[in-house]
Amino acid sequence: MRAVVCEDWCDYDDLTVGTAPVPDLVPGGVRIRIEYAGVSFATTLVVAGKYQRKPPLPFVPGTEVAGTVLECGDGVSRCKPGDRVLAAVDWGGYAEQMVAREANVHVVPDGLPLDAAVALCISYPTSFGGLCWRANLAMGETVLVHGAAGGVGLAAVEIAMAVGARVIAVANGDEKQAILRERGVDHVIATDGFREKVDEITGGDGLDVVYDPVGGPVSRPSISCLRPGGRLVTIGYAAGEIPSITFNVLLVKNISVMGFNWGEYVGWSPVDRREQYADAVAEMMETLLGWWQDGKVQPTVHAAFDLADFRDAMREVRGRRAIGRVVLTL
């Protein structure tokens, strides 16, 4: 089958389009004809051998897919041939077919676009888990979302609004800010001077929750924006710098800093617990798909590229031009 193949640890642009063996169907496995694959910056770390999990070489990169079920292995009951599905997978997404574990596969209801369903593989679950599972965001609370026009940021904005929270979205550039205003965001601000703007918007009361996929220079000022009992959720470091804090600020302000790693729930951690979390993940996905059907969330595809143009697709991601998700079409 046609696929992008990683023969050895390398720069993303050194990958090539070639052929890979069609994977064998296994008990509990679901064979998917891939129609769309998500493009994520994390893939550049995986192919360089810098991610916490290293696939066996050679391998096909790609962890987010949407497509159609071709066949199911013994014991599979949650989907059937012909179903439209999405799946967060270990690797193998940049190919015409793959076999995923049933726990990672979710049926996409009719009427929802399959290309945009890629966003529900990682972006929306990451934001739902960070805001709802970890920070326990509640109706009426005020949440600040950094990187609010990116894949996980835009998902966080919509999820917070679906919960009934007041959202302050941080994004740079007129186009990105305009998109957020069109989505009905309460307040849209730029990164520069965001701490002062938060004080102005909240009347000095501060924030209940900060959702931070950026890290680097925005994290410490964000902690200063929290009110007593406030929570900061760190889910990534797009700025390229992992921030550090001293514990005394947590004590003095009565605040919490917490992390959320979606990989723990889909089997990417050193101990594979995906089966243990399968029911909770399925319940989350049912909520997200229901919100999508009701128009409360709007997974967005920024751009689609042919598999052969996988390098151009990643340049769009690396250049931070994407509003929503970038996908490959197969």
Protein backbone atom coordinates (compact mmCIF):
# COMPACT_ATOMS: atom_id res chain seq x y z
CA MET A 1 0.00 0.00 0.00
CA ARG A 2 1.07 3.62 -0.52
CA ALA A 3 2.47 5.20 2.64
CA VAL A 4 4.95 7.68 4.09
CA VAL A 5 7.74 5.56 5.51
CA CYS A 6 10.28 6.35 8.23
CA GLU A 7 13.26 4.04 7.68
CA ASP A 8 15.46 5.61 10.36
CA TRP A 9 15.29 8.51 12.83
CA CYS A 10 15.38 11.64 10.70
CA ASP A 11 14.09 15.13 10.04
CA TYR A 12 10.45 15.15 8.98
CA ASP A 13 11.34 16.56 5.54
CA ASP A 14 13.63 13.57 4.93
CA LEU A 15 10.70 11.15 5.00
CA THR A 16 9.63 9.63 1.68
CA VAL A 17 6.45 8.35 0.10
CA GLY A 18 6.85 4.68 -0.75
CA THR A 19 5.14 1.40 -0.02
CA ALA A 20 4.49 -0.49 3.20
CA PRO A 21 3.02 -3.94 3.86
CA VAL A 22 -0.72 -4.06 4.42
CA PRO A 23 -1.05 -4.81 8.17
CA ASP A 24 -2.50 -8.12 9.31
CA LEU A 25 -5.90 -8.14 11.01
CA VAL A 26 -5.63 -9.27 14.63
CA PRO A 27 -8.23 -10.24 17.26
CA GLY A 28 -9.76 -7.06 18.66
CA GLY A 29 -8.48 -5.12 15.66
CA VAL A 30 -10.36 -2.94 13.17
CA ARG A 31 -9.08 -2.54 9.60
CA ILE A 32 -9.69 1.02 8.40
CA ARG A 33 -9.46 2.40 4.88
CA ILE A 34 -7.91 5.74 5.73
CA GLU A 35 -9.41 8.76 4.01
CA TYR A 36 -7.90 11.52 6.15
CA ALA A 37 -4.91 11.71 8.49
CA GLY A 38 -4.14 14.53 10.91
CA VAL A 39 -0.88 16.47 10.71
CA SER A 40 0.58 17.21 14.14
CA PHE A 41 3.84 18.84 15.20
CA ALA A 42 4.39 15.90 17.56
CA THR A 43 5.00 13.71 14.51
CA THR A 44 8.23 15.60 13.84
CA LEU A 45 9.45 14.51 17.27
CA VAL A 46 8.39 10.90 16.70
CA VAL A 47 10.27 10.52 13.40
CA ALA A 48 13.33 12.19 14.93
CA GLY A 49 13.33 9.65 17.78
CA LYS A 50 12.74 12.40 20.34
CA TYR A 51 9.27 11.37 21.54
CA GLN A 52 8.75 9.39 24.74
CA ARG A 53 7.60 6.39 22.70
CA LYS A 54 9.69 5.08 19.81
CA PRO A 55 7.98 2.90 17.20
CA PRO A 56 9.96 -0.04 15.83
CA LEU A 57 11.81 0.90 12.65
CA PRO A 58 10.78 1.07 9.88
CA PHE A 59 7.32 2.46 10.53
CA VAL A 60 4.57 4.64 9.07
CA PRO A 61 4.02 7.85 11.08
CA GLY A 62 0.65 9.44 11.82
CA THR A 63 -1.56 9.11 14.90
CA GLU A 64 -4.95 10.56 13.84
CA VAL A 65 -7.12 8.97 11.17
CA ALA A 66 -10.65 9.01 9.84
CA GLY A 67 -12.03 6.58 7.32
CA THR A 68 -14.23 3.55 6.73
CA VAL A 69 -14.14 0.15 8.42
CA LEU A 70 -13.21 -2.62 5.98
CA GLU A 71 -13.26 -5.60 8.37
CA CYS A 72 -13.19 -6.41 12.07
CA GLY A 73 -11.21 -8.98 14.00
CA ASP A 74 -12.63 -11.49 16.44
CA GLY A 75 -14.24 -9.94 19.50
CA VAL A 76 -14.97 -6.51 18.01
CA SER A 77 -18.48 -5.28 18.84
CA ARG A 78 -18.41 -1.47 18.80
CA CYS A 79 -18.18 -1.07 15.02
CA LYS A 80 -18.78 -3.03 11.81
CA PRO A 81 -17.68 -2.98 8.16
CA GLY A 82 -18.97 0.12 6.41
CA ASP A 83 -18.98 2.34 9.50
CA ARG A 84 -17.37 5.76 9.23
CA VAL A 85 -14.92 6.05 12.09
CA LEU A 86 -12.17 8.09 13.70
CA ALA A 87 -9.25 6.70 15.64
CA ALA A 88 -6.27 7.92 17.67
CA VAL A 89 -3.61 5.33 16.89
CA ASP A 90 -0.09 4.44 17.96
CA TRP A 91 1.32 5.10 14.45
CA GLY A 92 0.49 4.10 10.86
CA GLY A 93 -1.81 6.96 9.86
CA TYR A 94 0.05 8.17 6.77
CA ALA A 95 -1.04 5.16 4.71
CA GLU A 96 -3.96 3.77 2.74
CA GLN A 97 -4.93 1.26 5.44
CA MET A 98 -4.24 0.47 9.05
CA VAL A 99 -5.41 -1.86 11.81
CA ALA A 100 -6.42 -0.08 15.03
CA ARG A 101 -7.38 -1.45 18.43
CA GLU A 102 -11.13 -1.37 19.03
CA ALA A 103 -10.71 0.78 22.15
CA ASN A 104 -9.28 3.56 19.94
CA VAL A 105 -12.02 3.49 17.29
CA HIS A 106 -15.23 5.56 17.45
CA VAL A 107 -18.11 5.65 14.99
CA VAL A 108 -18.81 9.03 13.36
CA PRO A 109 -22.56 9.70 13.02
CA ASP A 110 -24.00 10.28 9.55
CA GLY A 111 -24.08 13.92 8.54
CA LEU A 112 -20.80 14.88 10.19
CA PRO A 113 -17.89 15.55 7.78
CA LEU A 114 -15.22 12.87 7.97
CA ASP A 115 -12.29 15.22 7.31
CA ALA A 116 -13.14 17.37 10.34
CA ALA A 117 -13.59 14.23 12.46
CA VAL A 118 -9.78 14.02 12.58
CA ALA A 119 -9.91 16.83 15.15
CA LEU A 120 -11.79 14.55 17.56
CA CYS A 121 -8.91 12.07 17.65
CA ILE A 122 -6.58 14.20 19.79
CA SER A 123 -7.36 17.94 19.79
CA TYR A 124 -10.86 17.85 21.27
CA PRO A 125 -10.22 15.00 23.75
CA THR A 126 -7.09 16.79 24.97
CA SER A 127 -9.06 19.96 25.60
CA PHE A 128 -12.05 18.14 27.10
CA GLY A 129 -9.81 16.11 29.40
CA GLY A 130 -7.79 19.13 30.46
CA LEU A 131 -10.77 21.37 31.13
CA CYS A 132 -13.47 18.95 32.29
CA TRP A 133 -11.59 16.01 33.80
CA ARG A 134 -8.62 17.79 35.33
CA ALA A 135 -9.65 21.42 35.95
CA ASN A 136 -13.35 20.63 36.57
CA LEU A 137 -14.36 23.76 34.70
CA ALA A 138 -17.88 24.78 35.71
CA MET A 139 -20.62 26.96 34.27
CA GLY A 140 -20.05 30.65 35.00
CA GLU A 141 -16.31 30.34 35.60
CA THR A 142 -13.81 32.40 33.63
CA VAL A 143 -11.18 30.59 31.56
CA LEU A 144 -8.24 31.97 29.58
CA VAL A 145 -7.16 29.92 26.54
CA HIS A 146 -3.70 30.48 25.08
CA GLY A 147 -3.07 29.63 21.42
CA ALA A 148 -6.82 29.88 20.98
CA ALA A 149 -6.86 29.60 17.17
CA GLY A 150 -4.74 26.44 16.99
CA GLY A 151 -5.97 22.86 16.97
CA VAL A 152 -6.25 22.24 20.71
CA GLY A 153 -6.82 25.92 21.51
CA LEU A 154 -9.87 26.30 19.29
CA ALA A 155 -11.22 23.04 20.70
CA ALA A 156 -10.71 24.36 24.25
CA VAL A 157 -12.55 27.57 23.42
CA GLU A 158 -15.57 25.69 22.08
CA ILE A 159 -15.64 23.15 24.91
CA ALA A 160 -15.46 25.91 27.52
CA MET A 161 -18.35 27.70 25.83
CA ALA A 162 -20.34 24.45 25.69
CA VAL A 163 -19.83 24.05 29.44
CA GLY A 164 -21.12 27.59 29.98
CA ALA A 165 -17.88 29.29 31.00
CA ARG A 166 -16.83 32.82 30.13
CA VAL A 167 -13.92 32.63 27.68
CA ILE A 168 -10.96 34.93 27.17
CA ALA A 169 -9.18 33.78 24.01
CA VAL A 170 -5.56 34.70 23.36
CA ALA A 171 -4.56 34.77 19.67
CA ASN A 172 -2.31 36.92 17.52
CA GLY A 173 -3.24 38.31 14.12
CA ASP A 174 -6.40 39.88 12.76
CA GLU A 175 -7.56 36.77 10.89
CA LYS A 176 -7.29 34.48 13.89
CA GLN A 177 -8.96 36.98 16.17
CA ALA A 178 -11.78 37.51 13.67
CA ILE A 179 -12.47 33.75 13.52
CA LEU A 180 -12.73 33.60 17.30
CA ARG A 181 -15.13 36.54 17.41
CA GLU A 182 -17.25 34.83 14.74
CA ARG A 183 -17.47 31.82 17.06
CA GLY A 184 -19.01 34.07 19.72
CA VAL A 185 -16.03 34.28 22.09
CA ASP A 186 -16.61 36.72 24.95
CA HIS A 187 -13.19 38.39 24.81
CA VAL A 188 -10.38 38.06 22.24
CA ILE A 189 -6.98 39.51 23.13
CA ALA A 190 -3.36 39.36 21.93
CA THR A 191 -0.47 37.79 23.81
CA ASP A 192 1.33 41.08 24.41
CA GLY A 193 0.06 42.60 27.63
CA PHE A 194 -2.47 39.82 28.23
CA ARG A 195 -2.02 40.01 32.02
CA GLU A 196 -3.12 43.65 32.13
CA LYS A 197 -6.02 42.90 29.80
CA VAL A 198 -7.18 40.06 32.04
CA ASP A 199 -7.18 42.43 35.03
CA GLU A 200 -9.29 44.86 33.04
CA ILE A 201 -11.76 42.24 31.81
CA THR A 202 -12.20 40.57 35.21
CA GLY A 203 -12.17 43.80 37.21
CA GLY A 204 -9.10 42.53 39.06
CA ASP A 205 -10.85 39.34 40.23
CA GLY A 206 -8.64 37.08 38.11
CA LEU A 207 -9.24 33.78 36.38
CA ASP A 208 -10.66 30.46 37.50
CA VAL A 209 -8.80 28.41 34.87
CA VAL A 210 -5.94 28.89 32.41
CA TYR A 211 -5.58 26.41 29.53
CA ASP A 212 -1.97 26.52 28.36
CA PRO A 213 -0.70 24.67 25.28
CA VAL A 214 2.02 27.31 24.75
CA GLY A 215 4.27 27.27 27.82
CA GLY A 216 7.45 29.32 27.70
CA PRO A 217 6.99 33.00 28.47
CA VAL A 218 3.20 32.95 28.97
CA SER A 219 2.98 30.44 31.82
CA ARG A 220 4.32 32.43 34.77
CA PRO A 221 2.25 35.57 34.01
CA SER A 222 -0.77 33.28 33.62
CA ILE A 223 -0.27 31.96 37.14
CA SER A 224 -0.31 35.56 38.35
CA CYS A 225 -3.72 35.96 36.72
CA LEU A 226 -5.33 33.18 38.76
CA ARG A 227 -7.67 34.01 41.61
CA PRO A 228 -7.54 31.98 44.85
CA GLY A 229 -8.63 28.45 44.01
CA GLY A 230 -7.62 28.93 40.38
CA ARG A 231 -6.18 26.16 38.21
CA LEU A 232 -3.68 26.18 35.36
CA VAL A 233 -3.67 23.19 33.01
CA THR A 234 -0.46 22.63 31.06
CA ILE A 235 -0.86 20.44 27.99
CA GLY A 236 2.08 21.38 25.75
CA TYR A 237 4.92 23.74 24.99
CA ALA A 238 4.39 25.21 21.54
CA ALA A 239 6.70 28.10 22.47
CA GLY A 240 9.56 25.61 22.58
CA GLU A 241 10.38 26.22 26.25
CA ILE A 242 9.23 24.21 29.26
CA PRO A 243 8.45 26.72 32.04
CA SER A 244 9.30 26.26 35.70
CA ILE A 245 7.72 27.70 38.85
CA THR A 246 8.50 27.76 42.54
CA PHE A 247 6.09 25.95 44.85
CA ASN A 248 5.67 28.89 47.20
CA VAL A 249 3.46 30.73 44.70
CA LEU A 250 1.03 27.79 44.79
CA LEU A 251 0.92 27.95 48.56
CA VAL A 252 0.58 31.72 48.87
CA LYS A 253 -2.17 32.01 46.24
CA ASN A 254 -4.01 28.76 47.04
CA ILE A 255 -3.84 27.71 43.38
CA SER A 256 -3.13 24.52 41.45
CA VAL A 257 -0.99 23.70 38.41
CA MET A 258 -1.87 20.42 36.75
CA GLY A 259 -0.99 18.55 33.60
CA PHE A 260 -3.08 16.54 31.18
CA ASN A 261 -1.67 13.92 28.81
CA TRP A 262 -4.23 12.44 26.41
CA GLY A 263 -1.70 9.77 25.46
CA GLU A 264 -2.28 8.12 28.84
CA TYR A 265 -5.84 7.31 27.76
CA VAL A 266 -5.12 5.93 24.28
CA GLY A 267 -2.21 3.66 25.13
CA TRP A 268 0.81 5.87 24.49
CA SER A 269 2.26 5.83 28.00
CA PRO A 270 4.93 3.36 29.18
CA VAL A 271 2.14 1.24 30.68
CA ASP A 272 -0.65 0.69 28.15
CA ARG A 273 -3.93 1.36 29.97
CA ARG A 274 -6.20 2.05 27.00
CA GLU A 275 -8.53 -0.85 27.86
CA GLN A 276 -8.82 0.39 31.45
CA TYR A 277 -9.94 3.82 30.22
CA ALA A 278 -12.04 2.61 27.28
CA ASP A 279 -15.46 3.23 28.86
CA ALA A 280 -14.55 6.74 30.07
CA VAL A 281 -13.10 7.61 26.66
CA ALA A 282 -16.21 6.29 24.89
CA GLU A 283 -18.42 8.41 27.16
CA MET A 284 -16.30 11.49 26.43
CA MET A 285 -16.49 10.84 22.70
CA GLU A 286 -20.26 10.43 22.87
CA THR A 287 -20.47 13.85 24.54
CA LEU A 288 -18.21 15.51 21.97
CA LEU A 289 -20.01 13.96 18.99
CA GLY A 290 -23.34 15.01 20.50
CA TRP A 291 -22.10 18.57 20.93
CA TRP A 292 -20.95 18.53 17.31
CA GLN A 293 -24.35 17.36 16.11
CA ASP A 294 -25.98 20.10 18.19
CA GLY A 295 -23.63 22.76 16.79
CA LYS A 296 -21.98 23.48 20.14
CA VAL A 297 -18.56 22.59 18.73
CA GLN A 298 -17.39 23.00 15.15
CA PRO A 299 -14.27 20.97 14.36
CA THR A 300 -12.48 22.91 11.65
CA VAL A 301 -10.18 21.86 8.81
CA HIS A 302 -7.79 24.66 7.93
CA ALA A 303 -6.31 22.96 4.88
CA ALA A 304 -6.10 19.56 3.20
CA PHE A 305 -3.04 18.24 1.32
CA ASP A 306 -2.47 15.12 -0.74
CA LEU A 307 -0.33 12.47 0.94
CA ALA A 308 2.52 13.30 -1.45
CA ASP A 309 2.51 16.88 -0.12
CA PHE A 310 3.01 15.86 3.51
CA ARG A 311 5.98 18.26 3.84
CA ASP A 312 3.90 21.26 2.75
CA ALA A 313 1.22 20.24 5.22
CA MET A 314 3.71 20.25 8.10
CA ARG A 315 5.08 23.63 7.00
CA GLU A 316 1.58 25.01 7.44
CA VAL A 317 1.54 23.64 10.99
CA ARG A 318 5.08 24.75 11.84
CA GLY A 319 4.38 28.22 10.47
CA ARG A 320 1.45 28.58 12.91
CA ARG A 321 -0.82 29.62 10.07
CA ALA A 322 -3.44 26.97 10.77
CA ILE A 323 -6.80 27.91 12.21
CA GLY A 324 -8.04 24.49 13.25
CA ARG A 325 -6.50 21.30 11.84
CA VAL A 326 -4.39 20.41 8.82
CA VAL A 327 -5.10 17.02 7.23
CA LEU A 328 -3.71 14.71 4.57
CA THR A 329 -6.09 13.13 2.07
CA LEU A 330 -5.62 9.57 0.89
